[in-house]
Amino acid sequence: MLGKLICILILAAAMLSYDIPRLKKCTKHDRMVYGILMLPMLYLAFLFITAKPWPNVDTIFNLFNKPAQQIVHWLNPAQS
């Protein structure tokens, strides 16, 4: 867990050292969008560090699996 935490901290420091000077020149709207986009990254980083069995990106994509298969079935004339 400590290794994962150090990895995330190094990546976050590198990312923020690059982004912060550019964010100072951006508009308030741009900074707000950047912050909103950071929320899923922070959540996924937390899951990576703690290895909790909470929903992640795979779970979200699996929610669309059945509806996507049904749409493909409806659109495929060979299966209809």
PDB file of N, CA and C in Angstrom:
ATOM      1  N   MET A   1       0.825  -1.188   0.000  1.00  0.00           N
ATOM      2  CA  MET A   1       0.000   0.000   0.000  1.00  0.00           C
ATOM      3  C   MET A   1       0.876   1.261   0.000  1.00  0.00           C
ATOM      4  N   LEU A   2       1.973   1.231   0.712  1.00  0.00           N
ATOM      5  CA  LEU A   2       2.858   2.391   0.767  1.00  0.00           C
ATOM      6  C   LEU A   2       3.465   2.673  -0.603  1.00  0.00           C
ATOM      7  N   GLY A   3       3.804   1.619  -1.325  1.00  0.00           N
ATOM      8  CA  GLY A   3       4.352   1.798  -2.671  1.00  0.00           C
ATOM      9  C   GLY A   3       3.347   2.435  -3.611  1.00  0.00           C
ATOM     10  N   LYS A   4       2.096   2.012  -3.509  1.00  0.00           N
ATOM     11  CA  LYS A   4       1.052   2.599  -4.347  1.00  0.00           C
ATOM     12  C   LYS A   4       0.834   4.060  -3.996  1.00  0.00           C
ATOM     13  N   LEU A   5       0.854   4.370  -2.711  1.00  0.00           N
ATOM     14  CA  LEU A   5       0.674   5.747  -2.265  1.00  0.00           C
ATOM     15  C   LEU A   5       1.804   6.633  -2.780  1.00  0.00           C
ATOM     16  N   ILE A   6       3.024   6.158  -2.702  1.00  0.00           N
ATOM     17  CA  ILE A   6       4.168   6.931  -3.196  1.00  0.00           C
ATOM     18  C   ILE A   6       4.056   7.141  -4.703  1.00  0.00           C
ATOM     19  N   CYS A   7       3.637   6.111  -5.418  1.00  0.00           N
ATOM     20  CA  CYS A   7       3.460   6.208  -6.869  1.00  0.00           C
ATOM     21  C   CYS A   7       2.422   7.273  -7.216  1.00  0.00           C
ATOM     22  N   ILE A   8       1.287   7.253  -6.550  1.00  0.00           N
ATOM     23  CA  ILE A   8       0.228   8.234  -6.805  1.00  0.00           C
ATOM     24  C   ILE A   8       0.708   9.639  -6.454  1.00  0.00           C
ATOM     25  N   LEU A   9       1.421   9.786  -5.346  1.00  0.00           N
ATOM     26  CA  LEU A   9       1.910  11.107  -4.954  1.00  0.00           C
ATOM     27  C   LEU A   9       2.916  11.660  -5.957  1.00  0.00           C
ATOM     28  N   ILE A  10       3.784  10.813  -6.475  1.00  0.00           N
ATOM     29  CA  ILE A  10       4.758  11.263  -7.481  1.00  0.00           C
ATOM     30  C   ILE A  10       4.036  11.676  -8.764  1.00  0.00           C
ATOM     31  N   LEU A  11       3.076  10.870  -9.195  1.00  0.00           N
ATOM     32  CA  LEU A  11       2.320  11.205 -10.408  1.00  0.00           C
ATOM     33  C   LEU A  11       1.516  12.488 -10.227  1.00  0.00           C
ATOM     34  N   ALA A  12       0.883  12.641  -9.058  1.00  0.00           N
ATOM     35  CA  ALA A  12       0.090  13.845  -8.800  1.00  0.00           C
ATOM     36  C   ALA A  12       0.991  15.073  -8.740  1.00  0.00           C
ATOM     37  N   ALA A  13       2.143  14.955  -8.122  1.00  0.00           N
ATOM     38  CA  ALA A  13       3.063  16.083  -8.045  1.00  0.00           C
ATOM     39  C   ALA A  13       3.553  16.491  -9.437  1.00  0.00           C
ATOM     40  N   ALA A  14       3.867  15.520 -10.265  1.00  0.00           N
ATOM     41  CA  ALA A  14       4.311  15.816 -11.627  1.00  0.00           C
ATOM     42  C   ALA A  14       3.196  16.486 -12.424  1.00  0.00           C
ATOM     43  N   MET A  15       1.990  15.959 -12.295  1.00  0.00           N
ATOM     44  CA  MET A  15       0.853  16.519 -13.026  1.00  0.00           C
ATOM     45  C   MET A  15       0.554  17.942 -12.561  1.00  0.00           C
ATOM     46  N   LEU A  16       0.527  18.155 -11.248  1.00  0.00           N
ATOM     47  CA  LEU A  16       0.201  19.480 -10.734  1.00  0.00           C
ATOM     48  C   LEU A  16       1.310  20.497 -11.005  1.00  0.00           C
ATOM     49  N   SER A  17       2.557  20.056 -10.986  1.00  0.00           N
ATOM     50  CA  SER A  17       3.643  20.990 -11.292  1.00  0.00           C
ATOM     51  C   SER A  17       3.560  21.471 -12.742  1.00  0.00           C
ATOM     52  N   TYR A  18       3.014  20.657 -13.606  1.00  0.00           N
ATOM     53  CA  TYR A  18       2.822  21.052 -14.997  1.00  0.00           C
ATOM     54  C   TYR A  18       1.553  21.892 -15.161  1.00  0.00           C
ATOM     55  N   ASP A  19       0.476  21.521 -14.452  1.00  0.00           N
ATOM     56  CA  ASP A  19      -0.827  22.152 -14.663  1.00  0.00           C
ATOM     57  C   ASP A  19      -1.030  23.460 -13.911  1.00  0.00           C
ATOM     58  N   ILE A  20      -0.480  23.610 -12.727  1.00  0.00           N
ATOM     59  CA  ILE A  20      -0.781  24.787 -11.912  1.00  0.00           C
ATOM     60  C   ILE A  20      -0.376  26.098 -12.594  1.00  0.00           C
ATOM     61  N   PRO A  21       0.810  26.210 -13.197  1.00  0.00           N
ATOM     62  CA  PRO A  21       1.112  27.479 -13.883  1.00  0.00           C
ATOM     63  C   PRO A  21       0.139  27.785 -15.017  1.00  0.00           C
ATOM     64  N   ARG A  22      -0.322  26.762 -15.697  1.00  0.00           N
ATOM     65  CA  ARG A  22      -1.272  26.974 -16.782  1.00  0.00           C
ATOM     66  C   ARG A  22      -2.673  27.296 -16.254  1.00  0.00           C
ATOM     67  N   LEU A  23      -3.041  26.712 -15.113  1.00  0.00           N
ATOM     68  CA  LEU A  23      -4.352  26.985 -14.533  1.00  0.00           C
ATOM     69  C   LEU A  23      -4.446  28.407 -13.998  1.00  0.00           C
ATOM     70  N   LYS A  24      -3.322  28.991 -13.607  1.00  0.00           N
ATOM     71  CA  LYS A  24      -3.344  30.381 -13.124  1.00  0.00           C
ATOM     72  C   LYS A  24      -3.746  31.340 -14.232  1.00  0.00           C
ATOM     73  N   LYS A  25      -3.451  30.971 -15.468  1.00  0.00           N
ATOM     74  CA  LYS A  25      -3.786  31.827 -16.611  1.00  0.00           C
ATOM     75  C   LYS A  25      -5.178  31.541 -17.165  1.00  0.00           C
ATOM     76  N   CYS A  26      -5.819  30.474 -16.716  1.00  0.00           N
ATOM     77  CA  CYS A  26      -7.121  30.075 -17.248  1.00  0.00           C
ATOM     78  C   CYS A  26      -8.253  30.841 -16.582  1.00  0.00           C
ATOM     79  N   THR A  27      -9.421  30.717 -17.179  1.00  0.00           N
ATOM     80  CA  THR A  27     -10.608  31.349 -16.615  1.00  0.00           C
ATOM     81  C   THR A  27     -11.137  30.521 -15.451  1.00  0.00           C
ATOM     82  N   LYS A  28     -12.061  31.113 -14.733  1.00  0.00           N
ATOM     83  CA  LYS A  28     -12.672  30.420 -13.596  1.00  0.00           C
ATOM     84  C   LYS A  28     -13.412  29.166 -14.064  1.00  0.00           C
ATOM     85  N   HIS A  29     -14.053  29.269 -15.208  1.00  0.00           N
ATOM     86  CA  HIS A  29     -14.786  28.128 -15.761  1.00  0.00           C
ATOM     87  C   HIS A  29     -13.838  26.970 -16.069  1.00  0.00           C
ATOM     88  N   ASP A  30     -12.698  27.271 -16.655  1.00  0.00           N
ATOM     89  CA  ASP A  30     -11.719  26.228 -16.978  1.00  0.00           C
ATOM     90  C   ASP A  30     -11.206  25.539 -15.724  1.00  0.00           C
ATOM     91  N   ARG A  31     -10.953  26.327 -14.673  1.00  0.00           N
ATOM     92  CA  ARG A  31     -10.489  25.737 -13.418  1.00  0.00           C
ATOM     93  C   ARG A  31     -11.557  24.856 -12.788  1.00  0.00           C
ATOM     94  N   MET A  32     -12.823  25.276 -12.913  1.00  0.00           N
ATOM     95  CA  MET A  32     -13.916  24.482 -12.364  1.00  0.00           C
ATOM     96  C   MET A  32     -14.035  23.149 -13.116  1.00  0.00           C
ATOM     97  N   VAL A  33     -13.928  23.180 -14.426  1.00  0.00           N
ATOM     98  CA  VAL A  33     -13.987  21.949 -15.228  1.00  0.00           C
ATOM     99  C   VAL A  33     -12.812  21.043 -14.875  1.00  0.00           C
ATOM    100  N   TYR A  34     -11.639  21.614 -14.711  1.00  0.00           N
ATOM    101  CA  TYR A  34     -10.454  20.833 -14.321  1.00  0.00           C
ATOM    102  C   TYR A  34     -10.693  20.153 -12.974  1.00  0.00           C
ATOM    103  N   GLY A  35     -11.239  20.881 -12.020  1.00  0.00           N
ATOM    104  CA  GLY A  35     -11.532  20.306 -10.706  1.00  0.00           C
ATOM    105  C   GLY A  35     -12.553  19.189 -10.778  1.00  0.00           C
ATOM    106  N   ILE A  36     -13.578  19.379 -11.591  1.00  0.00           N
ATOM    107  CA  ILE A  36     -14.601  18.343 -11.739  1.00  0.00           C
ATOM    108  C   ILE A  36     -14.012  17.096 -12.388  1.00  0.00           C
ATOM    109  N   LEU A  37     -13.127  17.285 -13.357  1.00  0.00           N
ATOM    110  CA  LEU A  37     -12.488  16.138 -14.000  1.00  0.00           C
ATOM    111  C   LEU A  37     -11.503  15.434 -13.076  1.00  0.00           C
ATOM    112  N   MET A  38     -11.011  16.123 -12.078  1.00  0.00           N
ATOM    113  CA  MET A  38     -10.088  15.518 -11.117  1.00  0.00           C
ATOM    114  C   MET A  38     -10.812  14.599 -10.124  1.00  0.00           C
ATOM    115  N   LEU A  39     -12.095  14.823  -9.893  1.00  0.00           N
ATOM    116  CA  LEU A  39     -12.819  14.022  -8.904  1.00  0.00           C
ATOM    117  C   LEU A  39     -12.816  12.525  -9.218  1.00  0.00           C
ATOM    118  N   PRO A  40     -13.150  12.096 -10.446  1.00  0.00           N
ATOM    119  CA  PRO A  40     -13.066  10.655 -10.729  1.00  0.00           C
ATOM    120  C   PRO A  40     -11.646  10.116 -10.592  1.00  0.00           C
ATOM    121  N   MET A  41     -10.654  10.936 -10.956  1.00  0.00           N
ATOM    122  CA  MET A  41      -9.270  10.479 -10.828  1.00  0.00           C
ATOM    123  C   MET A  41      -8.902  10.256  -9.364  1.00  0.00           C
ATOM    124  N   LEU A  42      -9.340  11.161  -8.502  1.00  0.00           N
ATOM    125  CA  LEU A  42      -9.062  10.996  -7.077  1.00  0.00           C
ATOM    126  C   LEU A  42      -9.758   9.764  -6.513  1.00  0.00           C
ATOM    127  N   TYR A  43     -10.985   9.531  -6.948  1.00  0.00           N
ATOM    128  CA  TYR A  43     -11.735   8.344  -6.507  1.00  0.00           C
ATOM    129  C   TYR A  43     -11.023   7.068  -6.946  1.00  0.00           C
ATOM    130  N   LEU A  44     -10.614   7.018  -8.213  1.00  0.00           N
ATOM    131  CA  LEU A  44      -9.928   5.826  -8.721  1.00  0.00           C
ATOM    132  C   LEU A  44      -8.556   5.659  -8.079  1.00  0.00           C
ATOM    133  N   ALA A  45      -7.879   6.761  -7.766  1.00  0.00           N
ATOM    134  CA  ALA A  45      -6.600   6.668  -7.063  1.00  0.00           C
ATOM    135  C   ALA A  45      -6.810   6.101  -5.660  1.00  0.00           C
ATOM    136  N   PHE A  46      -7.885   6.528  -4.994  1.00  0.00           N
ATOM    137  CA  PHE A  46      -8.205   5.990  -3.671  1.00  0.00           C
ATOM    138  C   PHE A  46      -8.459   4.490  -3.747  1.00  0.00           C
ATOM    139  N   LEU A  47      -9.212   4.054  -4.762  1.00  0.00           N
ATOM    140  CA  LEU A  47      -9.465   2.620  -4.937  1.00  0.00           C
ATOM    141  C   LEU A  47      -8.173   1.865  -5.223  1.00  0.00           C
ATOM    142  N   PHE A  48      -7.286   2.459  -6.009  1.00  0.00           N
ATOM    143  CA  PHE A  48      -6.008   1.832  -6.327  1.00  0.00           C
ATOM    144  C   PHE A  48      -5.159   1.652  -5.078  1.00  0.00           C
ATOM    145  N   ILE A  49      -5.122   2.673  -4.240  1.00  0.00           N
ATOM    146  CA  ILE A  49      -4.281   2.617  -3.044  1.00  0.00           C
ATOM    147  C   ILE A  49      -4.848   1.648  -2.016  1.00  0.00           C
ATOM    148  N   THR A  50      -6.153   1.707  -1.775  1.00  0.00           N
ATOM    149  CA  THR A  50      -6.755   0.909  -0.704  1.00  0.00           C
ATOM    150  C   THR A  50      -7.205  -0.469  -1.157  1.00  0.00           C
ATOM    151  N   ALA A  51      -7.329  -0.703  -2.455  1.00  0.00           N
ATOM    152  CA  ALA A  51      -7.798  -1.979  -3.017  1.00  0.00           C
ATOM    153  C   ALA A  51      -9.173  -2.366  -2.473  1.00  0.00           C
ATOM    154  N   LYS A  52     -10.029  -1.379  -2.341  1.00  0.00           N
ATOM    155  CA  LYS A  52     -11.401  -1.642  -1.885  1.00  0.00           C
ATOM    156  C   LYS A  52     -12.223  -2.196  -3.045  1.00  0.00           C
ATOM    157  N   PRO A  53     -13.200  -3.049  -2.756  1.00  0.00           N
ATOM    158  CA  PRO A  53     -14.028  -3.622  -3.825  1.00  0.00           C
ATOM    159  C   PRO A  53     -15.208  -2.713  -4.200  1.00  0.00           C
ATOM    160  N   TRP A  54     -14.986  -1.444  -4.275  1.00  0.00           N
ATOM    161  CA  TRP A  54     -16.032  -0.495  -4.639  1.00  0.00           C
ATOM    162  C   TRP A  54     -16.165  -0.425  -6.156  1.00  0.00           C
ATOM    163  N   PRO A  55     -17.261   0.146  -6.643  1.00  0.00           N
ATOM    164  CA  PRO A  55     -17.432   0.260  -8.100  1.00  0.00           C
ATOM    165  C   PRO A  55     -16.307   1.073  -8.738  1.00  0.00           C
ATOM    166  N   ASN A  56     -15.851   0.607  -9.898  1.00  0.00           N
ATOM    167  CA  ASN A  56     -14.816   1.320 -10.638  1.00  0.00           C
ATOM    168  C   ASN A  56     -15.225   1.427 -12.097  1.00  0.00           C
ATOM    169  N   VAL A  57     -14.310   1.752 -12.961  1.00  0.00           N
ATOM    170  CA  VAL A  57     -14.623   1.971 -14.368  1.00  0.00           C
ATOM    171  C   VAL A  57     -15.175   0.704 -15.015  1.00  0.00           C
ATOM    172  N   ASP A  58     -14.620  -0.455 -14.682  1.00  0.00           N
ATOM    173  CA  ASP A  58     -15.114  -1.710 -15.251  1.00  0.00           C
ATOM    174  C   ASP A  58     -16.576  -1.945 -14.891  1.00  0.00           C
ATOM    175  N   THR A  59     -16.947  -1.631 -13.672  1.00  0.00           N
ATOM    176  CA  THR A  59     -18.327  -1.803 -13.231  1.00  0.00           C
ATOM    177  C   THR A  59     -19.264  -0.926 -14.044  1.00  0.00           C
ATOM    178  N   ILE A  60     -18.850   0.296 -14.320  1.00  0.00           N
ATOM    179  CA  ILE A  60     -19.691   1.209 -15.099  1.00  0.00           C
ATOM    180  C   ILE A  60     -19.879   0.668 -16.507  1.00  0.00           C
ATOM    181  N   PHE A  61     -18.798   0.192 -17.135  1.00  0.00           N
ATOM    182  CA  PHE A  61     -18.926  -0.343 -18.485  1.00  0.00           C
ATOM    183  C   PHE A  61     -19.749  -1.630 -18.502  1.00  0.00           C
ATOM    184  N   ASN A  62     -19.656  -2.435 -17.463  1.00  0.00           N
ATOM    185  CA  ASN A  62     -20.449  -3.660 -17.401  1.00  0.00           C
ATOM    186  C   ASN A  62     -21.938  -3.370 -17.286  1.00  0.00           C
ATOM    187  N   LEU A  63     -22.298  -2.218 -16.752  1.00  0.00           N
ATOM    188  CA  LEU A  63     -23.714  -1.843 -16.690  1.00  0.00           C
ATOM    189  C   LEU A  63     -24.309  -1.680 -18.080  1.00  0.00           C
ATOM    190  N   PHE A  64     -23.488  -1.278 -19.045  1.00  0.00           N
ATOM    191  CA  PHE A  64     -23.966  -1.056 -20.408  1.00  0.00           C
ATOM    192  C   PHE A  64     -23.860  -2.302 -21.283  1.00  0.00           C
ATOM    193  N   ASN A  65     -23.360  -3.406 -20.762  1.00  0.00           N
ATOM    194  CA  ASN A  65     -23.137  -4.602 -21.554  1.00  0.00           C
ATOM    195  C   ASN A  65     -24.441  -5.205 -22.066  1.00  0.00           C
ATOM    196  N   LYS A  66     -25.389  -5.433 -21.170  1.00  0.00           N
ATOM    197  CA  LYS A  66     -26.675  -6.043 -21.576  1.00  0.00           C
ATOM    198  C   LYS A  66     -27.450  -5.149 -22.534  1.00  0.00           C
ATOM    199  N   PRO A  67     -27.626  -3.844 -22.244  1.00  0.00           N
ATOM    200  CA  PRO A  67     -28.345  -3.006 -23.213  1.00  0.00           C
ATOM    201  C   PRO A  67     -27.646  -2.944 -24.573  1.00  0.00           C
ATOM    202  N   ALA A  68     -26.322  -2.931 -24.582  1.00  0.00           N
ATOM    203  CA  ALA A  68     -25.600  -2.887 -25.853  1.00  0.00           C
ATOM    204  C   ALA A  68     -25.820  -4.170 -26.642  1.00  0.00           C
ATOM    205  N   GLN A  69     -25.800  -5.309 -25.964  1.00  0.00           N
ATOM    206  CA  GLN A  69     -26.068  -6.576 -26.652  1.00  0.00           C
ATOM    207  C   GLN A  69     -27.483  -6.600 -27.213  1.00  0.00           C
ATOM    208  N   GLN A  70     -28.439  -6.048 -26.481  1.00  0.00           N
ATOM    209  CA  GLN A  70     -29.823  -6.014 -26.962  1.00  0.00           C
ATOM    210  C   GLN A  70     -29.946  -5.128 -28.188  1.00  0.00           C
ATOM    211  N   ILE A  71     -29.279  -3.989 -28.197  1.00  0.00           N
ATOM    212  CA  ILE A  71     -29.324  -3.096 -29.363  1.00  0.00           C
ATOM    213  C   ILE A  71     -28.691  -3.772 -30.575  1.00  0.00           C
ATOM    214  N   VAL A  72     -27.560  -4.447 -30.385  1.00  0.00           N
ATOM    215  CA  VAL A  72     -26.917  -5.162 -31.485  1.00  0.00           C
ATOM    216  C   VAL A  72     -27.845  -6.256 -32.008  1.00  0.00           C
ATOM    217  N   HIS A  73     -28.536  -6.940 -31.124  1.00  0.00           N
ATOM    218  CA  HIS A  73     -29.481  -7.987 -31.526  1.00  0.00           C
ATOM    219  C   HIS A  73     -30.619  -7.395 -32.363  1.00  0.00           C
ATOM    220  N   TRP A  74     -31.122  -6.236 -31.953  1.00  0.00           N
ATOM    221  CA  TRP A  74     -32.206  -5.584 -32.705  1.00  0.00           C
ATOM    222  C   TRP A  74     -31.747  -5.131 -34.077  1.00  0.00           C
ATOM    223  N   LEU A  75     -30.505  -4.667 -34.177  1.00  0.00           N
ATOM    224  CA  LEU A  75     -30.016  -4.107 -35.432  1.00  0.00           C
ATOM    225  C   LEU A  75     -29.442  -5.154 -36.380  1.00  0.00           C
ATOM    226  N   ASN A  76     -29.140  -6.341 -35.905  1.00  0.00           N
ATOM    227  CA  ASN A  76     -28.545  -7.371 -36.751  1.00  0.00           C
ATOM    228  C   ASN A  76     -29.664  -8.171 -37.419  1.00  0.00           C
ATOM    229  N   PRO A  77     -29.825  -8.045 -38.750  1.00  0.00           N
ATOM    230  CA  PRO A  77     -30.907  -8.754 -39.426  1.00  0.00           C
ATOM    231  C   PRO A  77     -30.734 -10.267 -39.422  1.00  0.00           C
ATOM    232  N   ALA A  78     -29.502 -10.747 -39.289  1.00  0.00           N
ATOM    233  CA  ALA A  78     -29.262 -12.193 -39.293  1.00  0.00           C
ATOM    234  C   ALA A  78     -29.797 -12.827 -38.011  1.00  0.00           C
ATOM    235  N   GLN A  79     -29.838 -12.079 -36.910  1.00  0.00           N
ATOM    236  CA  GLN A  79     -30.315 -12.639 -35.655  1.00  0.00           C
ATOM    237  C   GLN A  79     -31.796 -12.405 -35.433  1.00  0.00           C
ATOM    238  N   SER A  80     -32.406 -11.526 -36.203  1.00  0.00           N
ATOM    239  CA  SER A  80     -33.830 -11.206 -35.978  1.00  0.00           C
ATOM    240  C   SER A  80     -34.738 -12.295 -36.493  1.00  0.00           C
TER     241      SER A  80
END
